[in-house]
């Protein structure tokens, strides 16, 4: 559900766009969109793990962590400075890093929230330091984060799911162990962007048609 937003973010900014989750003291990049032919080895490339304090996505997770955020080291920052930095991230809605992952790169990321408001992932961009313009990058990154958050909330929101399943059950009578899941993608594929394409199962393996 995040890939269309990442493709759009990359097209709008010309920066590498990525989505990451937190795993302990590291971020894990789940999706990465870039025109760079060497993107598989680039900082933040899909599948790569990085310490929380080295990436903008990691700082997003630290800023919204319930506990332990102050225990995470950030190069050049004391405890007071760290708390001030994390408070600023919460206030402005996004995190910025310059030269922490590598001397040549900078990043900007914003949180993705579920239906309960919990930060479950982060979306952002990575650019060369010399072309990094936070004020220009922040609006499209925030918009992408909001778009993905809405998808997450729609698919996992408990109130929405229960209400809609009750309505569908009146017609289809599905088994109790099943839930209603709805997804939709609108737009055209950007064939100039190199990104991973997941495999597709045959329709008959995934769909049961209900007739009157």
N, C-alpha and C. Protein backbone atom coordinates (compact mmCIF):
# COMPACT_ATOMS: atom_id res chain seq x y z
N UNK A 1 0.81 -1.20 0.00
CA UNK A 1 0.00 0.00 0.00
C UNK A 1 0.85 1.27 0.00
N UNK A 2 2.14 1.15 0.37
CA UNK A 2 3.00 2.33 0.44
C UNK A 2 3.71 2.64 -0.86
N UNK A 3 3.85 1.63 -1.74
CA UNK A 3 4.67 1.81 -2.93
C UNK A 3 4.21 2.96 -3.83
N UNK A 4 2.91 3.13 -4.10
CA UNK A 4 2.50 4.27 -4.94
C UNK A 4 2.89 5.61 -4.33
N UNK A 5 2.80 5.73 -3.01
CA UNK A 5 3.19 6.98 -2.35
C UNK A 5 4.69 7.22 -2.47
N UNK A 6 5.48 6.16 -2.39
CA UNK A 6 6.94 6.31 -2.52
C UNK A 6 7.32 6.70 -3.95
N UNK A 7 6.66 6.08 -4.94
CA UNK A 7 6.94 6.44 -6.34
C UNK A 7 6.59 7.91 -6.58
N UNK A 8 5.45 8.35 -6.06
CA UNK A 8 5.06 9.75 -6.22
C UNK A 8 6.03 10.68 -5.51
N UNK A 9 6.47 10.30 -4.30
CA UNK A 9 7.42 11.12 -3.55
C UNK A 9 8.74 11.25 -4.30
N UNK A 10 9.21 10.15 -4.86
CA UNK A 10 10.45 10.18 -5.65
C UNK A 10 10.30 11.08 -6.87
N UNK A 11 9.15 10.97 -7.54
CA UNK A 11 8.92 11.79 -8.73
C UNK A 11 8.86 13.28 -8.39
N UNK A 12 8.29 13.61 -7.23
CA UNK A 12 8.15 15.00 -6.83
C UNK A 12 9.47 15.63 -6.39
N UNK A 13 10.34 14.82 -5.80
CA UNK A 13 11.55 15.38 -5.17
C UNK A 13 12.85 15.02 -5.89
N UNK A 14 12.82 14.01 -6.76
CA UNK A 14 14.02 13.48 -7.41
C UNK A 14 14.98 12.86 -6.40
N UNK A 15 14.54 12.68 -5.17
CA UNK A 15 15.36 12.05 -4.13
C UNK A 15 14.96 10.59 -3.99
N UNK A 16 15.85 9.79 -3.45
CA UNK A 16 15.50 8.40 -3.14
C UNK A 16 14.46 8.40 -2.03
N UNK A 17 13.37 7.67 -2.24
CA UNK A 17 12.28 7.61 -1.26
C UNK A 17 12.26 6.23 -0.62
N UNK A 18 12.02 6.19 0.68
CA UNK A 18 12.05 4.91 1.37
C UNK A 18 11.07 4.86 2.53
N UNK A 19 10.72 3.64 2.91
CA UNK A 19 9.86 3.38 4.06
C UNK A 19 10.58 2.40 4.96
N UNK A 20 10.58 2.69 6.27
CA UNK A 20 11.31 1.85 7.21
C UNK A 20 10.46 1.59 8.45
N UNK A 21 10.75 0.47 9.11
CA UNK A 21 10.15 0.15 10.39
C UNK A 21 11.26 0.05 11.44
N UNK A 22 10.85 -0.02 12.69
CA UNK A 22 11.81 -0.17 13.78
C UNK A 22 11.90 -1.63 14.20
N UNK A 23 13.11 -2.11 14.41
CA UNK A 23 13.35 -3.44 14.95
C UNK A 23 14.41 -3.30 16.03
N UNK A 24 13.98 -3.17 17.28
CA UNK A 24 14.91 -2.97 18.38
C UNK A 24 15.61 -1.64 18.28
N UNK A 25 16.93 -1.66 18.20
CA UNK A 25 17.74 -0.45 18.13
C UNK A 25 18.11 -0.08 16.69
N UNK A 26 17.41 -0.69 15.71
CA UNK A 26 17.74 -0.45 14.32
C UNK A 26 16.49 -0.09 13.51
N UNK A 27 16.72 0.56 12.39
CA UNK A 27 15.66 0.71 11.39
C UNK A 27 15.90 -0.35 10.31
N UNK A 28 14.81 -0.82 9.72
CA UNK A 28 14.89 -1.78 8.61
C UNK A 28 14.13 -1.18 7.43
N UNK A 29 14.80 -0.99 6.32
CA UNK A 29 14.16 -0.42 5.14
C UNK A 29 13.34 -1.51 4.43
N UNK A 30 12.04 -1.26 4.28
CA UNK A 30 11.15 -2.22 3.64
C UNK A 30 10.95 -1.94 2.16
N UNK A 31 11.03 -0.67 1.78
CA UNK A 31 10.79 -0.32 0.38
C UNK A 31 11.63 0.90 0.03
N UNK A 32 12.15 0.91 -1.21
CA UNK A 32 13.11 1.94 -1.61
C UNK A 32 12.93 2.21 -3.10
N UNK A 33 12.76 3.48 -3.47
CA UNK A 33 12.54 3.86 -4.86
C UNK A 33 13.59 4.87 -5.26
N UNK A 34 14.33 4.57 -6.32
CA UNK A 34 15.39 5.47 -6.78
C UNK A 34 15.71 5.18 -8.23
N UNK A 35 16.15 6.21 -8.96
CA UNK A 35 16.62 6.02 -10.33
C UNK A 35 18.12 5.72 -10.37
N UNK A 36 18.79 5.78 -9.22
CA UNK A 36 20.22 5.54 -9.15
C UNK A 36 20.51 4.07 -9.49
N UNK A 37 21.32 3.80 -10.52
CA UNK A 37 21.62 2.40 -10.87
C UNK A 37 22.35 1.65 -9.76
N UNK A 38 22.97 2.40 -8.83
CA UNK A 38 23.69 1.76 -7.72
C UNK A 38 22.86 1.77 -6.44
N UNK A 39 21.51 1.91 -6.59
CA UNK A 39 20.68 2.07 -5.39
C UNK A 39 20.69 0.85 -4.48
N UNK A 40 21.02 -0.32 -5.02
CA UNK A 40 21.01 -1.53 -4.18
C UNK A 40 22.04 -1.45 -3.06
N UNK A 41 23.10 -0.67 -3.26
CA UNK A 41 24.13 -0.53 -2.23
C UNK A 41 24.08 0.85 -1.56
N UNK A 42 23.07 1.63 -1.88
CA UNK A 42 22.98 2.99 -1.33
C UNK A 42 22.54 2.97 0.12
N UNK A 43 22.91 4.02 0.89
CA UNK A 43 22.41 4.11 2.26
C UNK A 43 20.89 4.12 2.28
N UNK A 44 20.30 3.25 3.08
CA UNK A 44 18.86 3.19 3.17
C UNK A 44 18.22 2.26 2.16
N UNK A 45 19.00 1.53 1.36
CA UNK A 45 18.43 0.64 0.36
C UNK A 45 17.61 -0.46 1.00
N UNK A 46 16.67 -1.02 0.24
CA UNK A 46 15.73 -2.01 0.77
C UNK A 46 16.45 -3.17 1.45
N UNK A 47 16.01 -3.49 2.66
CA UNK A 47 16.58 -4.58 3.42
C UNK A 47 17.72 -4.18 4.34
N UNK A 48 18.25 -2.98 4.18
CA UNK A 48 19.38 -2.56 5.01
C UNK A 48 18.92 -2.19 6.41
N UNK A 49 19.78 -2.48 7.36
CA UNK A 49 19.56 -2.11 8.75
C UNK A 49 20.56 -1.03 9.13
N UNK A 50 20.06 -0.05 9.88
CA UNK A 50 20.92 1.03 10.35
C UNK A 50 20.57 1.35 11.80
N UNK A 51 21.56 1.78 12.60
CA UNK A 51 21.26 2.20 13.97
C UNK A 51 20.24 3.35 13.98
N UNK A 52 19.36 3.36 14.96
CA UNK A 52 18.30 4.37 15.00
C UNK A 52 18.83 5.79 14.89
N UNK A 53 19.93 6.07 15.58
CA UNK A 53 20.37 7.46 15.67
C UNK A 53 21.05 7.97 14.40
N UNK A 54 21.24 7.08 13.40
CA UNK A 54 21.96 7.51 12.19
C UNK A 54 21.04 7.92 11.05
N UNK A 55 19.73 7.66 11.17
CA UNK A 55 18.82 7.95 10.07
C UNK A 55 17.68 8.85 10.53
N UNK A 56 17.10 9.57 9.59
CA UNK A 56 15.95 10.41 9.92
C UNK A 56 14.77 9.54 10.36
N UNK A 57 14.62 8.37 9.73
CA UNK A 57 13.55 7.46 10.15
C UNK A 57 13.76 7.02 11.59
N UNK A 58 15.00 6.71 11.95
CA UNK A 58 15.30 6.29 13.31
C UNK A 58 15.00 7.38 14.33
N UNK A 59 15.31 8.62 13.99
CA UNK A 59 15.00 9.73 14.90
C UNK A 59 13.50 9.90 15.08
N UNK A 60 12.74 9.62 14.02
CA UNK A 60 11.28 9.66 14.15
C UNK A 60 10.83 8.65 15.20
N UNK A 61 11.37 7.43 15.14
CA UNK A 61 10.99 6.41 16.11
C UNK A 61 11.41 6.80 17.53
N UNK A 62 12.61 7.35 17.67
CA UNK A 62 13.08 7.78 18.98
C UNK A 62 12.20 8.89 19.55
N UNK A 63 11.81 9.82 18.69
CA UNK A 63 11.01 10.96 19.14
C UNK A 63 9.65 10.52 19.65
N UNK A 64 9.13 9.42 19.10
CA UNK A 64 7.79 8.97 19.48
C UNK A 64 7.81 7.69 20.30
N UNK A 65 8.99 7.32 20.82
CA UNK A 65 9.09 6.13 21.65
C UNK A 65 8.50 6.41 23.02
N UNK A 66 7.88 5.38 23.61
CA UNK A 66 7.30 5.54 24.95
C UNK A 66 8.37 5.64 26.02
N UNK A 67 9.41 4.83 25.88
CA UNK A 67 10.49 4.82 26.87
C UNK A 67 11.81 4.60 26.16
N UNK A 68 12.87 4.99 26.85
CA UNK A 68 14.21 4.66 26.40
C UNK A 68 14.80 5.56 25.36
N UNK A 69 14.08 6.57 24.89
CA UNK A 69 14.61 7.43 23.83
C UNK A 69 15.87 8.14 24.27
N UNK A 70 15.92 8.56 25.54
CA UNK A 70 17.08 9.32 26.01
C UNK A 70 18.33 8.45 26.12
N UNK A 71 18.16 7.11 26.08
CA UNK A 71 19.31 6.22 26.21
C UNK A 71 20.01 5.98 24.88
N UNK A 72 19.41 6.43 23.78
CA UNK A 72 20.00 6.21 22.46
C UNK A 72 21.06 7.27 22.18
N UNK A 73 22.30 6.84 21.83
CA UNK A 73 23.36 7.82 21.57
C UNK A 73 23.20 8.51 20.23
N UNK A 74 23.42 9.80 20.21
CA UNK A 74 23.47 10.54 18.96
C UNK A 74 24.77 11.33 18.95
N UNK A 75 25.60 11.08 17.95
CA UNK A 75 26.92 11.68 17.90
C UNK A 75 26.84 13.20 18.02
N UNK A 76 27.62 13.74 18.96
CA UNK A 76 27.70 15.19 19.11
C UNK A 76 26.58 15.79 19.95
N UNK A 77 25.66 14.98 20.48
CA UNK A 77 24.56 15.50 21.28
C UNK A 77 24.61 14.95 22.68
N UNK A 78 24.50 15.82 23.69
CA UNK A 78 24.34 15.39 25.06
C UNK A 78 22.90 15.07 25.34
N UNK A 79 22.62 14.64 26.58
CA UNK A 79 21.26 14.24 26.94
C UNK A 79 20.28 15.39 26.77
N UNK A 80 20.65 16.60 27.24
CA UNK A 80 19.76 17.74 27.11
C UNK A 80 19.51 18.11 25.66
N UNK A 81 20.57 18.09 24.87
CA UNK A 81 20.44 18.40 23.44
C UNK A 81 19.58 17.37 22.73
N UNK A 82 19.72 16.11 23.14
CA UNK A 82 18.94 15.04 22.53
C UNK A 82 17.45 15.25 22.80
N UNK A 83 17.11 15.54 24.05
CA UNK A 83 15.71 15.76 24.37
C UNK A 83 15.15 16.96 23.61
N UNK A 84 15.96 18.00 23.48
CA UNK A 84 15.52 19.17 22.71
C UNK A 84 15.31 18.80 21.25
N UNK A 85 16.22 17.98 20.70
CA UNK A 85 16.11 17.56 19.30
C UNK A 85 14.87 16.71 19.08
N UNK A 86 14.60 15.77 19.99
CA UNK A 86 13.42 14.91 19.84
C UNK A 86 12.13 15.70 20.01
N UNK A 87 12.15 16.68 20.92
CA UNK A 87 10.96 17.53 21.10
C UNK A 87 10.69 18.34 19.83
N UNK A 88 11.76 18.81 19.18
CA UNK A 88 11.60 19.57 17.93
C UNK A 88 11.00 18.69 16.84
N UNK A 89 11.42 17.43 16.79
CA UNK A 89 10.87 16.50 15.80
C UNK A 89 9.37 16.31 16.02
N UNK A 90 8.99 16.14 17.26
CA UNK A 90 7.56 15.97 17.56
C UNK A 90 6.77 17.23 17.21
N UNK A 91 7.39 18.38 17.44
CA UNK A 91 6.70 19.65 17.21
C UNK A 91 6.53 19.94 15.72
N UNK A 92 7.58 19.74 14.93
CA UNK A 92 7.49 20.10 13.51
C UNK A 92 6.97 18.96 12.64
N UNK A 93 6.96 17.74 13.19
CA UNK A 93 6.36 16.63 12.47
C UNK A 93 7.31 15.83 11.60
N UNK A 94 8.58 16.17 11.58
CA UNK A 94 9.54 15.42 10.78
C UNK A 94 10.94 15.53 11.38
N UNK A 95 11.81 14.59 10.98
CA UNK A 95 13.19 14.55 11.47
C UNK A 95 14.16 14.79 10.32
N UNK A 96 15.31 15.37 10.64
CA UNK A 96 16.34 15.68 9.65
C UNK A 96 17.68 15.14 10.14
N UNK A 97 18.44 14.53 9.23
CA UNK A 97 19.81 14.14 9.53
C UNK A 97 20.71 14.62 8.40
N UNK A 98 21.91 15.02 8.75
CA UNK A 98 22.90 15.47 7.76
C UNK A 98 24.24 14.84 8.12
N UNK A 99 24.72 13.94 7.28
CA UNK A 99 26.04 13.36 7.47
C UNK A 99 26.15 12.33 8.56
N UNK A 100 25.06 11.87 9.14
CA UNK A 100 25.14 10.88 10.22
C UNK A 100 25.22 9.45 9.69
N UNK A 101 24.55 9.18 8.58
CA UNK A 101 24.61 7.85 7.99
C UNK A 101 25.86 7.70 7.14
N UNK A 102 26.17 8.72 6.37
CA UNK A 102 27.42 8.82 5.63
C UNK A 102 27.70 10.30 5.42
N UNK A 103 28.96 10.71 5.29
CA UNK A 103 29.27 12.13 5.16
C UNK A 103 28.63 12.80 3.95
N UNK A 104 28.28 12.02 2.93
CA UNK A 104 27.77 12.59 1.69
C UNK A 104 26.25 12.67 1.62
N UNK A 105 25.54 12.11 2.60
CA UNK A 105 24.09 12.02 2.47
C UNK A 105 23.36 12.75 3.60
N UNK A 106 22.13 13.15 3.29
CA UNK A 106 21.24 13.77 4.27
C UNK A 106 19.86 13.15 4.09
N UNK A 107 19.04 13.23 5.13
CA UNK A 107 17.73 12.62 5.06
C UNK A 107 16.67 13.40 5.80
N UNK A 108 15.42 13.17 5.42
CA UNK A 108 14.27 13.78 6.08
C UNK A 108 13.16 12.76 6.11
N UNK A 109 12.51 12.58 7.27
CA UNK A 109 11.49 11.54 7.41
C UNK A 109 10.36 12.01 8.30
N UNK A 110 9.18 11.40 8.10
CA UNK A 110 7.98 11.71 8.88
C UNK A 110 7.32 10.41 9.32
N UNK A 111 6.55 10.45 10.40
CA UNK A 111 5.95 9.22 10.95
C UNK A 111 4.71 8.75 10.20
N UNK A 112 4.52 7.44 10.20
CA UNK A 112 3.30 6.80 9.73
C UNK A 112 2.59 6.25 10.96
N UNK A 113 1.32 6.58 11.11
CA UNK A 113 0.57 6.21 12.32
C UNK A 113 -0.57 5.25 11.98
N UNK A 114 -0.86 4.36 12.95
CA UNK A 114 -2.01 3.47 12.78
C UNK A 114 -3.27 4.14 13.31
N UNK A 115 -4.36 3.38 13.38
CA UNK A 115 -5.64 3.95 13.78
C UNK A 115 -5.66 4.45 15.21
N UNK A 116 -4.72 3.98 16.04
CA UNK A 116 -4.65 4.42 17.43
C UNK A 116 -3.66 5.56 17.62
N UNK A 117 -3.05 6.02 16.54
CA UNK A 117 -2.09 7.11 16.62
C UNK A 117 -0.67 6.67 16.91
N UNK A 118 -0.44 5.37 16.99
CA UNK A 118 0.90 4.85 17.26
C UNK A 118 1.77 4.92 16.01
N UNK A 119 3.01 5.35 16.17
CA UNK A 119 3.94 5.40 15.03
C UNK A 119 4.41 3.98 14.73
N UNK A 120 4.06 3.48 13.56
CA UNK A 120 4.37 2.09 13.18
C UNK A 120 5.43 2.00 12.09
N UNK A 121 5.72 3.11 11.42
CA UNK A 121 6.71 3.14 10.35
C UNK A 121 7.09 4.60 10.09
N UNK A 122 8.02 4.79 9.19
CA UNK A 122 8.41 6.15 8.82
C UNK A 122 8.74 6.19 7.34
N UNK A 123 8.36 7.27 6.69
CA UNK A 123 8.64 7.44 5.27
C UNK A 123 9.55 8.66 5.12
N UNK A 124 10.47 8.60 4.17
CA UNK A 124 11.38 9.73 4.03
C UNK A 124 12.15 9.70 2.72
N UNK A 125 13.10 10.61 2.63
CA UNK A 125 13.94 10.73 1.45
C UNK A 125 15.40 10.81 1.88
N UNK A 126 16.28 10.39 0.97
CA UNK A 126 17.72 10.50 1.17
C UNK A 126 18.29 11.20 -0.06
N UNK A 127 19.12 12.24 0.16
CA UNK A 127 19.71 13.00 -0.95
C UNK A 127 21.17 13.28 -0.66
N UNK A 128 21.94 13.65 -1.69
CA UNK A 128 23.29 14.15 -1.44
C UNK A 128 23.22 15.42 -0.59
N UNK A 129 24.20 15.62 0.26
CA UNK A 129 24.22 16.79 1.15
C UNK A 129 24.14 18.09 0.36
N UNK A 130 24.82 18.16 -0.77
CA UNK A 130 24.89 19.42 -1.51
C UNK A 130 23.56 19.83 -2.13
N UNK A 131 22.64 18.88 -2.29
CA UNK A 131 21.34 19.22 -2.87
C UNK A 131 20.21 19.17 -1.84
N UNK A 132 20.56 18.98 -0.57
CA UNK A 132 19.55 18.81 0.48
C UNK A 132 18.90 20.14 0.83
N UNK A 133 17.58 20.23 0.66
CA UNK A 133 16.80 21.44 0.98
C UNK A 133 15.60 21.03 1.85
N UNK A 134 15.78 21.03 3.18
CA UNK A 134 14.72 20.53 4.07
C UNK A 134 13.38 21.22 3.88
N UNK A 135 13.37 22.53 3.72
CA UNK A 135 12.10 23.23 3.61
C UNK A 135 11.36 22.88 2.33
N UNK A 136 12.09 22.51 1.29
CA UNK A 136 11.45 22.08 0.04
C UNK A 136 10.98 20.63 0.13
N UNK A 137 11.72 19.81 0.86
CA UNK A 137 11.41 18.38 0.93
C UNK A 137 10.33 18.06 1.95
N UNK A 138 10.21 18.86 2.99
CA UNK A 138 9.28 18.53 4.08
C UNK A 138 7.83 18.38 3.62
N UNK A 139 7.27 19.32 2.83
CA UNK A 139 5.86 19.18 2.45
C UNK A 139 5.54 17.87 1.71
N UNK A 140 6.29 17.47 0.67
CA UNK A 140 5.94 16.21 0.02
C UNK A 140 6.16 14.98 0.90
N UNK A 141 7.16 15.02 1.78
CA UNK A 141 7.37 13.89 2.69
C UNK A 141 6.21 13.78 3.67
N UNK A 142 5.77 14.91 4.23
CA UNK A 142 4.63 14.90 5.15
C UNK A 142 3.36 14.41 4.44
N UNK A 143 3.19 14.83 3.19
CA UNK A 143 2.01 14.39 2.43
C UNK A 143 2.06 12.89 2.18
N UNK A 144 3.23 12.36 1.87
CA UNK A 144 3.37 10.92 1.65
C UNK A 144 3.08 10.14 2.93
N UNK A 145 3.59 10.65 4.05
CA UNK A 145 3.35 9.99 5.34
C UNK A 145 1.87 9.98 5.67
N UNK A 146 1.17 11.07 5.39
CA UNK A 146 -0.26 11.13 5.64
C UNK A 146 -1.02 10.15 4.74
N UNK A 147 -0.61 10.05 3.48
CA UNK A 147 -1.28 9.14 2.55
C UNK A 147 -1.13 7.68 3.00
N UNK A 148 0.09 7.30 3.40
CA UNK A 148 0.30 5.91 3.84
C UNK A 148 -0.41 5.67 5.17
N UNK A 149 -0.40 6.67 6.06
CA UNK A 149 -1.10 6.53 7.34
C UNK A 149 -2.58 6.25 7.12
N UNK A 150 -3.18 6.93 6.17
CA UNK A 150 -4.60 6.71 5.91
C UNK A 150 -4.87 5.29 5.43
N UNK A 151 -3.97 4.76 4.61
CA UNK A 151 -4.13 3.37 4.16
C UNK A 151 -4.02 2.41 5.33
N UNK A 152 -3.03 2.63 6.19
CA UNK A 152 -2.86 1.77 7.36
C UNK A 152 -4.08 1.85 8.27
N UNK A 153 -4.55 3.05 8.49
CA UNK A 153 -5.69 3.23 9.38
C UNK A 153 -6.96 2.62 8.81
N UNK A 154 -7.13 2.70 7.51
CA UNK A 154 -8.33 2.14 6.88
C UNK A 154 -8.32 0.62 6.93
N UNK A 155 -7.15 0.04 6.75
CA UNK A 155 -7.07 -1.42 6.72
C UNK A 155 -7.03 -2.04 8.10
N UNK A 156 -6.60 -1.24 9.12
CA UNK A 156 -6.43 -1.81 10.45
C UNK A 156 -7.27 -1.14 11.52
N UNK A 157 -8.05 -0.14 11.13
CA UNK A 157 -8.85 0.56 12.13
C UNK A 157 -9.92 -0.35 12.71
N UNK A 158 -9.92 -0.59 14.02
CA UNK A 158 -10.85 -1.57 14.60
C UNK A 158 -12.31 -1.19 14.43
N UNK A 159 -12.67 0.06 14.63
CA UNK A 159 -14.07 0.45 14.52
C UNK A 159 -14.57 0.30 13.09
N UNK A 160 -13.75 0.79 12.12
CA UNK A 160 -14.14 0.68 10.71
C UNK A 160 -14.30 -0.78 10.31
N UNK A 161 -13.37 -1.62 10.72
CA UNK A 161 -13.40 -3.01 10.29
C UNK A 161 -14.63 -3.73 10.82
N UNK A 162 -14.95 -3.53 12.09
CA UNK A 162 -16.09 -4.23 12.68
C UNK A 162 -17.40 -3.75 12.07
N UNK A 163 -17.54 -2.45 11.87
CA UNK A 163 -18.77 -1.92 11.30
C UNK A 163 -18.99 -2.45 9.89
N UNK A 164 -17.94 -2.40 9.08
CA UNK A 164 -18.08 -2.82 7.70
C UNK A 164 -18.27 -4.33 7.59
N UNK A 165 -17.60 -5.09 8.45
CA UNK A 165 -17.77 -6.54 8.38
C UNK A 165 -19.19 -6.93 8.73
N UNK A 166 -19.81 -6.24 9.68
CA UNK A 166 -21.19 -6.55 10.05
C UNK A 166 -22.12 -6.32 8.87
N UNK A 167 -21.85 -5.24 8.10
CA UNK A 167 -22.68 -4.95 6.93
C UNK A 167 -22.52 -6.02 5.87
N UNK A 168 -21.27 -6.39 5.58
CA UNK A 168 -21.01 -7.41 4.56
C UNK A 168 -21.57 -8.76 4.98
N UNK A 169 -21.49 -9.08 6.28
CA UNK A 169 -21.95 -10.37 6.77
C UNK A 169 -23.44 -10.57 6.54
N UNK A 170 -24.19 -9.48 6.48
CA UNK A 170 -25.62 -9.60 6.23
C UNK A 170 -25.90 -10.22 4.86
N UNK A 171 -24.97 -10.02 3.91
CA UNK A 171 -25.16 -10.52 2.55
C UNK A 171 -24.37 -11.81 2.31
N UNK A 172 -23.11 -11.86 2.77
CA UNK A 172 -22.23 -12.95 2.40
C UNK A 172 -22.09 -14.02 3.47
N UNK A 173 -22.40 -13.71 4.73
CA UNK A 173 -22.26 -14.67 5.85
C UNK A 173 -20.88 -15.33 5.86
N UNK A 174 -19.79 -14.52 5.95
CA UNK A 174 -18.45 -15.11 5.96
C UNK A 174 -18.17 -15.82 7.28
N UNK A 175 -17.21 -16.76 7.30
CA UNK A 175 -16.83 -17.42 8.56
C UNK A 175 -16.32 -16.39 9.58
N UNK A 176 -16.51 -16.68 10.86
CA UNK A 176 -16.14 -15.73 11.91
C UNK A 176 -14.66 -15.44 11.94
N UNK A 177 -13.82 -16.39 11.47
CA UNK A 177 -12.38 -16.19 11.56
C UNK A 177 -11.85 -15.26 10.47
N UNK A 178 -12.68 -14.85 9.52
CA UNK A 178 -12.24 -13.96 8.46
C UNK A 178 -12.58 -12.52 8.80
N UNK A 179 -11.75 -11.58 8.30
CA UNK A 179 -12.03 -10.16 8.44
C UNK A 179 -12.13 -9.55 7.05
N UNK A 180 -12.76 -8.40 6.98
CA UNK A 180 -12.88 -7.69 5.71
C UNK A 180 -11.65 -6.84 5.51
N UNK A 181 -11.03 -6.97 4.35
CA UNK A 181 -9.86 -6.15 4.01
C UNK A 181 -10.10 -5.57 2.64
N UNK A 182 -9.93 -4.26 2.51
CA UNK A 182 -10.17 -3.58 1.24
C UNK A 182 -8.95 -2.76 0.87
N UNK A 183 -8.50 -2.87 -0.37
CA UNK A 183 -7.37 -2.07 -0.84
C UNK A 183 -7.65 -1.53 -2.23
N UNK A 184 -7.04 -0.39 -2.55
CA UNK A 184 -7.28 0.21 -3.86
C UNK A 184 -6.05 1.02 -4.27
N UNK A 185 -5.69 0.94 -5.52
CA UNK A 185 -4.58 1.73 -6.05
C UNK A 185 -5.06 2.47 -7.29
N UNK A 186 -4.76 3.75 -7.36
CA UNK A 186 -5.21 4.58 -8.48
C UNK A 186 -4.00 5.23 -9.14
N UNK A 187 -3.96 5.21 -10.46
CA UNK A 187 -2.88 5.91 -11.15
C UNK A 187 -2.23 5.03 -12.19
N UNK A 188 -1.10 5.50 -12.73
CA UNK A 188 -0.39 4.79 -13.77
C UNK A 188 1.03 4.50 -13.29
N UNK A 189 1.54 3.36 -13.68
CA UNK A 189 2.89 2.99 -13.29
C UNK A 189 3.91 3.91 -13.98
N UNK A 190 4.90 4.34 -13.23
CA UNK A 190 6.01 5.12 -13.78
C UNK A 190 7.10 4.14 -14.20
N UNK A 191 7.15 3.83 -15.49
CA UNK A 191 8.06 2.79 -15.98
C UNK A 191 9.52 3.23 -15.94
N UNK A 192 9.78 4.53 -15.69
CA UNK A 192 11.16 4.99 -15.61
C UNK A 192 11.77 4.76 -14.24
N UNK A 193 10.94 4.36 -13.26
CA UNK A 193 11.43 4.15 -11.90
C UNK A 193 11.71 2.68 -11.69
N UNK A 194 12.91 2.37 -11.19
CA UNK A 194 13.30 1.00 -10.93
C UNK A 194 12.95 0.66 -9.49
N UNK A 195 11.93 -0.18 -9.29
CA UNK A 195 11.59 -0.60 -7.94
C UNK A 195 11.14 -2.06 -7.96
N UNK A 196 11.22 -2.68 -6.80
CA UNK A 196 10.90 -4.10 -6.71
C UNK A 196 9.43 -4.35 -6.99
N UNK A 197 9.16 -5.39 -7.75
CA UNK A 197 7.79 -5.78 -8.05
C UNK A 197 7.51 -7.15 -7.43
N UNK A 198 6.52 -7.19 -6.57
CA UNK A 198 6.19 -8.45 -5.92
C UNK A 198 5.46 -9.37 -6.88
N UNK A 199 5.56 -10.66 -6.64
CA UNK A 199 4.88 -11.63 -7.49
C UNK A 199 3.37 -11.57 -7.32
N UNK A 200 2.65 -12.05 -8.30
CA UNK A 200 1.20 -12.03 -8.28
C UNK A 200 0.67 -13.47 -8.36
N UNK A 201 -0.21 -13.82 -7.42
CA UNK A 201 -0.84 -15.15 -7.44
C UNK A 201 -1.97 -15.14 -8.45
N UNK A 202 -2.27 -16.28 -9.03
CA UNK A 202 -3.41 -16.36 -9.96
C UNK A 202 -4.70 -15.95 -9.24
N UNK A 203 -5.59 -15.35 -9.98
CA UNK A 203 -6.83 -14.84 -9.41
C UNK A 203 -7.63 -15.93 -8.71
N UNK A 204 -7.66 -17.12 -9.32
CA UNK A 204 -8.47 -18.20 -8.75
C UNK A 204 -7.95 -18.69 -7.40
N UNK A 205 -6.67 -18.40 -7.09
CA UNK A 205 -6.12 -18.79 -5.80
C UNK A 205 -6.51 -17.82 -4.68
N UNK A 206 -6.90 -16.62 -5.05
CA UNK A 206 -7.11 -15.58 -4.06
C UNK A 206 -8.56 -15.13 -3.94
N UNK A 207 -9.38 -15.40 -4.93
CA UNK A 207 -10.71 -14.82 -4.98
C UNK A 207 -11.79 -15.87 -5.10
N UNK A 208 -12.83 -15.73 -4.31
CA UNK A 208 -14.05 -16.54 -4.45
C UNK A 208 -15.17 -15.60 -4.84
N UNK A 209 -15.78 -15.82 -6.02
CA UNK A 209 -16.84 -14.97 -6.50
C UNK A 209 -18.18 -15.41 -5.92
N UNK A 210 -18.92 -14.44 -5.40
CA UNK A 210 -20.23 -14.69 -4.81
C UNK A 210 -21.30 -14.29 -5.81
N UNK A 211 -22.15 -15.22 -6.20
CA UNK A 211 -23.20 -14.93 -7.16
C UNK A 211 -24.55 -14.86 -6.47
N UNK A 212 -25.46 -14.12 -7.08
CA UNK A 212 -26.81 -14.02 -6.51
C UNK A 212 -27.52 -15.38 -6.56
